[in-house]
Amino acid sequence: MAAILVGVITAGRPSLGVGVMVGVIYGPLVLLNLPVGIALWIALVFSQHLSIVSIAPTAASILIGLAWFGTVRERAPVIRAVLVRHKMLVFAFACLLLWVTISML
């Protein structure tokens, strides 16, 4: 079904078809293997000025964020251990956020 969709879109607008094809390939890859998706995203960021894939880095960033939120639950003990180990850094970051928020107000 995805191949038919990409073929129909490519027949009408080739640049849009290539973008959809990259998305169809990249989407499942990020959801199945997040580190590989991030590695490919780094290379994709530098191609954002090409007209064919101009929106791809933004879409990939959103997809990586969603995939990361999916892994938070299984990594909660590790995240909690890191936050406990670096209490002063977390406190300093919270103070920085408070300072920036007050400055903006």
N, C-alpha and C. Protein backbone atom coordinates (compact mmCIF):
# COMPACT_ATOMS: atom_id res chain seq x y z
N MET A 1 0.82 -1.19 0.00
CA MET A 1 0.00 0.00 0.00
C MET A 1 0.87 1.26 0.00
N ALA A 2 1.95 1.22 0.80
CA ALA A 2 2.84 2.38 0.84
C ALA A 2 3.53 2.59 -0.49
N ALA A 3 3.89 1.48 -1.18
CA ALA A 3 4.56 1.60 -2.48
C ALA A 3 3.62 2.21 -3.51
N ILE A 4 2.35 1.85 -3.46
CA ILE A 4 1.38 2.43 -4.39
C ILE A 4 1.23 3.92 -4.11
N LEU A 5 1.13 4.29 -2.85
CA LEU A 5 1.01 5.70 -2.47
C LEU A 5 2.22 6.50 -2.93
N VAL A 6 3.42 5.97 -2.70
CA VAL A 6 4.63 6.67 -3.12
C VAL A 6 4.67 6.78 -4.63
N GLY A 7 4.28 5.72 -5.35
CA GLY A 7 4.28 5.76 -6.81
C GLY A 7 3.33 6.79 -7.37
N VAL A 8 2.13 6.87 -6.80
CA VAL A 8 1.14 7.84 -7.27
C VAL A 8 1.62 9.27 -7.00
N ILE A 9 2.16 9.50 -5.81
CA ILE A 9 2.63 10.84 -5.48
C ILE A 9 3.83 11.22 -6.34
N THR A 10 4.73 10.27 -6.58
CA THR A 10 5.91 10.55 -7.39
C THR A 10 5.54 10.86 -8.83
N ALA A 11 4.49 10.26 -9.33
CA ALA A 11 4.05 10.55 -10.70
C ALA A 11 3.60 12.00 -10.83
N GLY A 12 2.96 12.51 -9.79
CA GLY A 12 2.47 13.89 -9.83
C GLY A 12 3.55 14.91 -9.51
N ARG A 13 4.23 14.72 -8.39
CA ARG A 13 5.29 15.64 -7.95
C ARG A 13 6.47 14.81 -7.47
N PRO A 14 7.50 14.68 -8.28
CA PRO A 14 8.63 13.81 -7.90
C PRO A 14 9.30 14.21 -6.59
N SER A 15 9.45 15.49 -6.32
CA SER A 15 10.12 15.90 -5.08
C SER A 15 9.31 15.48 -3.85
N LEU A 16 8.00 15.63 -3.92
CA LEU A 16 7.15 15.21 -2.82
C LEU A 16 7.16 13.70 -2.67
N GLY A 17 7.20 12.99 -3.79
CA GLY A 17 7.24 11.53 -3.76
C GLY A 17 8.50 11.01 -3.09
N VAL A 18 9.64 11.65 -3.37
CA VAL A 18 10.89 11.23 -2.73
C VAL A 18 10.82 11.50 -1.23
N GLY A 19 10.24 12.62 -0.84
CA GLY A 19 10.09 12.92 0.58
C GLY A 19 9.20 11.92 1.29
N VAL A 20 8.11 11.52 0.65
CA VAL A 20 7.21 10.53 1.24
C VAL A 20 7.91 9.18 1.33
N MET A 21 8.70 8.84 0.31
CA MET A 21 9.43 7.58 0.32
C MET A 21 10.43 7.54 1.48
N VAL A 22 11.14 8.64 1.69
CA VAL A 22 12.09 8.69 2.81
C VAL A 22 11.34 8.53 4.14
N GLY A 23 10.19 9.17 4.25
CA GLY A 23 9.39 9.04 5.46
C GLY A 23 8.87 7.63 5.69
N VAL A 24 8.46 6.97 4.63
CA VAL A 24 7.95 5.60 4.75
C VAL A 24 9.07 4.65 5.18
N ILE A 25 10.27 4.91 4.73
CA ILE A 25 11.40 4.06 5.12
C ILE A 25 11.90 4.43 6.51
N TYR A 26 11.97 5.71 6.81
CA TYR A 26 12.58 6.19 8.05
C TYR A 26 11.67 5.97 9.27
N GLY A 27 10.37 6.11 9.09
CA GLY A 27 9.44 5.99 10.21
C GLY A 27 9.54 4.68 10.97
N PRO A 28 9.36 3.55 10.30
CA PRO A 28 9.48 2.28 11.02
C PRO A 28 10.88 2.03 11.58
N LEU A 29 11.90 2.53 10.88
CA LEU A 29 13.27 2.35 11.37
C LEU A 29 13.45 3.02 12.73
N VAL A 30 12.95 4.23 12.88
CA VAL A 30 13.10 4.95 14.15
C VAL A 30 12.31 4.25 15.25
N LEU A 31 11.14 3.76 14.93
CA LEU A 31 10.33 3.12 15.95
C LEU A 31 10.90 1.76 16.37
N LEU A 32 11.64 1.10 15.49
CA LEU A 32 12.23 -0.19 15.83
C LEU A 32 13.62 -0.08 16.43
N ASN A 33 14.42 0.89 15.98
CA ASN A 33 15.79 1.03 16.46
C ASN A 33 16.11 2.52 16.60
N LEU A 34 15.88 3.07 17.76
CA LEU A 34 16.04 4.50 18.00
C LEU A 34 17.48 4.99 17.80
N PRO A 35 18.52 4.29 18.28
CA PRO A 35 19.88 4.80 18.05
C PRO A 35 20.25 4.91 16.57
N VAL A 36 19.83 3.96 15.76
CA VAL A 36 20.11 4.06 14.32
C VAL A 36 19.33 5.22 13.72
N GLY A 37 18.10 5.43 14.17
CA GLY A 37 17.31 6.55 13.68
C GLY A 37 17.94 7.89 14.01
N ILE A 38 18.52 8.00 15.20
CA ILE A 38 19.20 9.24 15.58
C ILE A 38 20.46 9.44 14.74
N ALA A 39 21.19 8.36 14.48
CA ALA A 39 22.40 8.47 13.65
C ALA A 39 22.05 8.93 12.24
N LEU A 40 20.98 8.41 11.67
CA LEU A 40 20.57 8.85 10.34
C LEU A 40 20.00 10.26 10.36
N TRP A 41 19.38 10.65 11.47
CA TRP A 41 18.84 12.01 11.59
C TRP A 41 19.96 13.04 11.53
N ILE A 42 21.10 12.71 12.13
CA ILE A 42 22.24 13.64 12.11
C ILE A 42 22.66 13.92 10.68
N ALA A 43 22.72 12.89 9.86
CA ALA A 43 23.06 13.10 8.45
C ALA A 43 21.95 13.84 7.72
N LEU A 44 20.72 13.61 8.11
CA LEU A 44 19.58 14.24 7.45
C LEU A 44 19.50 15.74 7.74
N VAL A 45 19.97 16.15 8.90
CA VAL A 45 19.93 17.56 9.27
C VAL A 45 20.75 18.41 8.29
N PHE A 46 21.86 17.87 7.83
CA PHE A 46 22.72 18.62 6.93
C PHE A 46 22.19 18.67 5.50
N SER A 47 21.12 17.94 5.20
CA SER A 47 20.54 17.98 3.87
C SER A 47 19.25 18.80 3.83
N GLN A 48 18.99 19.60 4.84
CA GLN A 48 17.73 20.32 4.92
C GLN A 48 17.59 21.41 3.86
N HIS A 49 18.69 21.82 3.25
CA HIS A 49 18.62 22.86 2.23
C HIS A 49 18.30 22.32 0.85
N LEU A 50 18.23 21.00 0.70
CA LEU A 50 17.83 20.41 -0.56
C LEU A 50 16.32 20.51 -0.69
N SER A 51 15.84 20.88 -1.84
CA SER A 51 14.39 21.08 -2.00
C SER A 51 13.61 19.78 -1.88
N ILE A 52 14.25 18.65 -2.16
CA ILE A 52 13.54 17.36 -2.11
C ILE A 52 13.20 16.98 -0.68
N VAL A 53 14.11 17.20 0.24
CA VAL A 53 13.92 16.77 1.63
C VAL A 53 13.94 17.94 2.61
N SER A 54 13.40 19.07 2.24
CA SER A 54 13.50 20.25 3.09
C SER A 54 12.74 20.11 4.40
N ILE A 55 11.63 19.39 4.42
CA ILE A 55 10.85 19.25 5.65
C ILE A 55 11.24 17.99 6.42
N ALA A 56 12.08 17.16 5.85
CA ALA A 56 12.42 15.88 6.47
C ALA A 56 13.09 16.02 7.84
N PRO A 57 14.04 16.93 8.05
CA PRO A 57 14.63 17.01 9.39
C PRO A 57 13.62 17.36 10.48
N THR A 58 12.67 18.22 10.18
CA THR A 58 11.65 18.57 11.17
C THR A 58 10.75 17.37 11.47
N ALA A 59 10.32 16.68 10.43
CA ALA A 59 9.48 15.49 10.63
C ALA A 59 10.25 14.40 11.37
N ALA A 60 11.52 14.24 11.04
CA ALA A 60 12.33 13.23 11.72
C ALA A 60 12.52 13.59 13.19
N SER A 61 12.68 14.86 13.50
CA SER A 61 12.82 15.29 14.90
C SER A 61 11.57 14.97 15.70
N ILE A 62 10.43 15.22 15.12
CA ILE A 62 9.16 14.91 15.79
C ILE A 62 9.03 13.41 16.01
N LEU A 63 9.38 12.63 15.00
CA LEU A 63 9.29 11.18 15.10
C LEU A 63 10.26 10.63 16.14
N ILE A 64 11.46 11.18 16.21
CA ILE A 64 12.43 10.74 17.23
C ILE A 64 11.92 11.09 18.62
N GLY A 65 11.32 12.26 18.78
CA GLY A 65 10.74 12.62 20.08
C GLY A 65 9.64 11.67 20.51
N LEU A 66 8.78 11.31 19.59
CA LEU A 66 7.71 10.35 19.91
C LEU A 66 8.28 8.98 20.25
N ALA A 67 9.28 8.55 19.50
CA ALA A 67 9.90 7.25 19.79
C ALA A 67 10.60 7.28 21.15
N TRP A 68 11.23 8.42 21.50
CA TRP A 68 11.89 8.50 22.79
C TRP A 68 10.87 8.44 23.93
N PHE A 69 9.73 9.13 23.77
CA PHE A 69 8.70 9.06 24.80
C PHE A 69 8.20 7.63 24.98
N GLY A 70 8.23 6.85 23.92
CA GLY A 70 7.83 5.45 24.02
C GLY A 70 8.80 4.61 24.82
N THR A 71 10.06 5.02 24.91
CA THR A 71 11.05 4.25 25.65
C THR A 71 11.23 4.73 27.08
N VAL A 72 10.61 5.82 27.46
CA VAL A 72 10.82 6.39 28.80
C VAL A 72 10.35 5.43 29.89
N ARG A 73 9.25 4.77 29.68
CA ARG A 73 8.70 3.90 30.72
C ARG A 73 9.64 2.75 31.05
N GLU A 74 10.24 2.13 30.03
CA GLU A 74 11.13 1.00 30.31
C GLU A 74 12.49 1.46 30.84
N ARG A 75 12.84 2.71 30.61
CA ARG A 75 14.12 3.23 31.09
C ARG A 75 13.96 4.08 32.35
N ALA A 76 12.81 4.08 32.96
CA ALA A 76 12.55 4.91 34.13
C ALA A 76 13.53 4.66 35.28
N PRO A 77 13.85 3.41 35.61
CA PRO A 77 14.81 3.21 36.72
C PRO A 77 16.19 3.80 36.41
N VAL A 78 16.63 3.70 35.17
CA VAL A 78 17.94 4.25 34.81
C VAL A 78 17.91 5.77 34.89
N ILE A 79 16.84 6.37 34.39
CA ILE A 79 16.71 7.83 34.42
C ILE A 79 16.66 8.31 35.87
N ARG A 80 15.90 7.61 36.70
CA ARG A 80 15.80 7.99 38.11
C ARG A 80 17.16 7.89 38.79
N ALA A 81 17.93 6.85 38.49
CA ALA A 81 19.25 6.68 39.10
C ALA A 81 20.20 7.81 38.68
N VAL A 82 20.13 8.21 37.42
CA VAL A 82 20.99 9.30 36.95
C VAL A 82 20.60 10.61 37.64
N LEU A 83 19.31 10.87 37.76
CA LEU A 83 18.86 12.10 38.40
C LEU A 83 19.25 12.14 39.88
N VAL A 84 19.18 11.01 40.56
CA VAL A 84 19.57 10.96 41.97
C VAL A 84 21.08 11.15 42.11
N ARG A 85 21.85 10.57 41.19
CA ARG A 85 23.30 10.67 41.26
C ARG A 85 23.77 12.10 41.01
N HIS A 86 23.04 12.85 40.19
CA HIS A 86 23.45 14.21 39.84
C HIS A 86 22.45 15.24 40.39
N LYS A 87 22.20 15.17 41.68
CA LYS A 87 21.22 16.05 42.31
C LYS A 87 21.58 17.53 42.17
N MET A 88 22.84 17.86 42.35
CA MET A 88 23.25 19.26 42.27
C MET A 88 23.08 19.81 40.85
N LEU A 89 23.37 19.01 39.86
CA LEU A 89 23.20 19.45 38.48
C LEU A 89 21.72 19.67 38.16
N VAL A 90 20.87 18.77 38.63
CA VAL A 90 19.42 18.93 38.42
C VAL A 90 18.92 20.18 39.14
N PHE A 91 19.42 20.42 40.35
CA PHE A 91 19.03 21.61 41.10
C PHE A 91 19.49 22.88 40.38
N ALA A 92 20.73 22.88 39.86
CA ALA A 92 21.24 24.03 39.14
C ALA A 92 20.43 24.28 37.86
N PHE A 93 20.05 23.22 37.17
CA PHE A 93 19.24 23.36 35.97
C PHE A 93 17.85 23.91 36.30
N ALA A 94 17.27 23.45 37.40
CA ALA A 94 15.96 23.97 37.82
C ALA A 94 16.06 25.45 38.18
N CYS A 95 17.14 25.83 38.85
CA CYS A 95 17.34 27.25 39.17
C CYS A 95 17.50 28.08 37.91
N LEU A 96 18.24 27.56 36.93
CA LEU A 96 18.41 28.26 35.66
C LEU A 96 17.06 28.45 34.96
N LEU A 97 16.26 27.40 34.93
CA LEU A 97 14.93 27.52 34.30
C LEU A 97 14.06 28.55 35.04
N LEU A 98 14.13 28.55 36.36
CA LEU A 98 13.37 29.51 37.14
C LEU A 98 13.85 30.94 36.84
N TRP A 99 15.16 31.11 36.77
CA TRP A 99 15.73 32.44 36.49
C TRP A 99 15.32 32.92 35.10
N VAL A 100 15.39 32.07 34.11
CA VAL A 100 15.01 32.44 32.74
C VAL A 100 13.51 32.76 32.68
N THR A 101 12.70 31.98 33.37
CA THR A 101 11.26 32.23 33.38
C THR A 101 10.94 33.57 34.03
N ILE A 102 11.55 33.85 35.15
CA ILE A 102 11.33 35.13 35.82
C ILE A 102 11.83 36.29 34.95
N SER A 103 12.95 36.10 34.29
CA SER A 103 13.48 37.14 33.40
C SER A 103 12.55 37.42 32.24
N MET A 104 11.94 36.39 31.70
CA MET A 104 11.00 36.58 30.59
C MET A 104 9.73 37.28 31.04
N LEU A 105 9.30 37.02 32.26
CA LEU A 105 8.11 37.68 32.78
C LEU A 105 8.39 39.14 33.02
